[in-house]
Amino acid sequence: MKNVLGVFDFSCTERTRLVSRSDDGKASFPIMKKRRKGSAHDMNMRKKERSLISEHEKACTDKIAKLEESLKKKKQDDRTFSVLRKTLGSFLESTSDKDIPVDD
């Protein structure tokens, strides 16, 4: 009996009907064992997916940190260049063409 999700639903009578006794007298539930194997596989797949997602998140976090550091450095370089340009501009304004020797 499959439900809407495609998973088997068993009533108590169906479960008892599916129980079989092995030679050593222990009850075995073949379908339940099959489910457990499938669920173990699913758990392994979910674990792998979680680890891949975790690795991807770590890589993205590292990239973001590097980009933020790069942006911070670029802003600092821009400020340094601006100060240099202002200093050079004020230096050139204070000197006139007469002060610069002409090479012949």
Protein backbone atom coordinates (compact mmCIF):
# COMPACT_ATOMS: atom_id res chain seq x y z
CA MET A 1 0.00 0.00 0.00
CA LYS A 2 1.55 3.29 -1.06
CA ASN A 3 0.51 6.58 0.38
CA VAL A 4 0.64 9.95 -1.35
CA LEU A 5 4.39 10.28 -0.88
CA GLY A 6 5.07 6.86 -2.40
CA VAL A 7 6.12 5.39 0.95
CA PHE A 8 4.69 2.07 2.00
CA ASP A 9 2.24 2.12 4.88
CA PHE A 10 1.74 -1.10 6.79
CA SER A 11 -1.03 -1.90 9.17
CA CYS A 12 -0.45 -4.21 12.14
CA THR A 13 -1.98 -7.16 10.32
CA GLU A 14 0.21 -6.63 7.26
CA ARG A 15 3.32 -6.43 9.43
CA THR A 16 2.52 -9.64 11.22
CA ARG A 17 1.82 -11.30 7.87
CA LEU A 18 5.24 -10.21 6.58
CA VAL A 19 7.09 -11.51 9.61
CA SER A 20 8.92 -14.69 8.85
CA ARG A 21 10.89 -16.97 11.13
CA SER A 22 14.40 -17.84 10.08
CA ASP A 23 16.07 -21.14 10.94
CA ASP A 24 17.57 -19.79 14.17
CA GLY A 25 14.16 -18.77 15.47
CA LYS A 26 14.67 -15.01 15.22
CA ALA A 27 12.02 -12.98 13.52
CA SER A 28 13.15 -11.22 10.38
CA PHE A 29 11.42 -8.36 8.72
CA PRO A 30 12.68 -8.33 5.12
CA ILE A 31 10.84 -5.21 4.06
CA MET A 32 11.80 -3.34 7.22
CA LYS A 33 15.45 -4.29 6.65
CA LYS A 34 15.17 -3.03 3.10
CA ARG A 35 13.75 0.24 4.39
CA ARG A 36 16.58 0.58 6.89
CA LYS A 37 19.17 0.03 4.15
CA GLY A 38 17.46 2.64 2.02
CA SER A 39 17.24 5.07 4.87
CA ALA A 40 20.92 4.49 5.73
CA HIS A 41 21.77 5.28 2.12
CA ASP A 42 19.60 8.38 2.29
CA MET A 43 21.29 9.45 5.52
CA ASN A 44 24.71 9.01 3.90
CA MET A 45 23.61 11.08 0.92
CA ARG A 46 22.24 13.81 3.19
CA LYS A 47 25.48 13.78 5.17
CA LYS A 48 27.51 14.16 1.96
CA GLU A 49 25.23 16.97 0.79
CA ARG A 50 25.58 18.75 4.13
CA SER A 51 29.36 18.45 4.01
CA LEU A 52 29.44 19.76 0.43
CA ILE A 53 27.21 22.68 1.39
CA SER A 54 29.41 23.37 4.40
CA GLU A 55 32.55 23.34 2.23
CA HIS A 56 30.86 25.64 -0.30
CA GLU A 57 29.77 28.05 2.44
CA LYS A 58 33.33 28.11 3.82
CA ALA A 59 34.77 28.79 0.37
CA CYS A 60 32.26 31.60 -0.20
CA THR A 61 33.03 33.08 3.22
CA ASP A 62 36.74 33.02 2.41
CA LYS A 63 36.14 34.69 -0.96
CA ILE A 64 34.02 37.39 0.67
CA ALA A 65 36.71 38.04 3.28
CA LYS A 66 39.38 38.32 0.56
CA LEU A 67 37.19 40.68 -1.49
CA GLU A 68 36.47 42.85 1.54
CA GLU A 69 40.21 43.03 2.29
CA SER A 70 40.92 43.88 -1.35
CA LEU A 71 38.27 46.61 -1.31
CA LYS A 72 39.69 48.01 1.92
CA LYS A 73 43.18 48.07 0.38
CA LYS A 74 41.85 49.70 -2.81
CA LYS A 75 40.13 52.43 -0.79
CA GLN A 76 43.35 53.03 1.13
CA ASP A 77 45.29 53.20 -2.15
CA ASP A 78 42.73 55.67 -3.53
CA ARG A 79 43.13 57.86 -0.44
CA THR A 80 46.91 57.69 -0.73
CA PHE A 81 46.74 58.61 -4.43
CA SER A 82 44.38 61.49 -3.66
CA VAL A 83 46.74 62.85 -0.99
CA LEU A 84 49.70 62.45 -3.36
CA ARG A 85 47.84 64.25 -6.14
CA LYS A 86 46.89 67.13 -3.82
CA THR A 87 50.43 67.37 -2.52
CA LEU A 88 51.90 67.29 -6.01
CA GLY A 89 49.32 69.83 -7.22
CA SER A 90 50.12 72.24 -4.40
CA PHE A 91 53.84 71.75 -5.02
CA LEU A 92 53.47 72.49 -8.74
CA GLU A 93 51.25 75.52 -8.08
CA SER A 94 53.80 77.02 -5.72
CA THR A 95 56.59 76.73 -8.29
CA SER A 96 56.57 78.77 -11.42
CA ASP A 97 58.12 78.05 -14.80
CA LYS A 98 60.93 80.48 -13.99
CA ASP A 99 62.11 78.30 -11.11
CA ILE A 100 62.53 75.21 -13.32
CA PRO A 101 65.87 75.16 -15.15
CA VAL A 102 65.70 74.58 -18.88
CA ASP A 103 68.00 71.89 -20.26
CA ASP A 104 69.53 72.76 -23.60
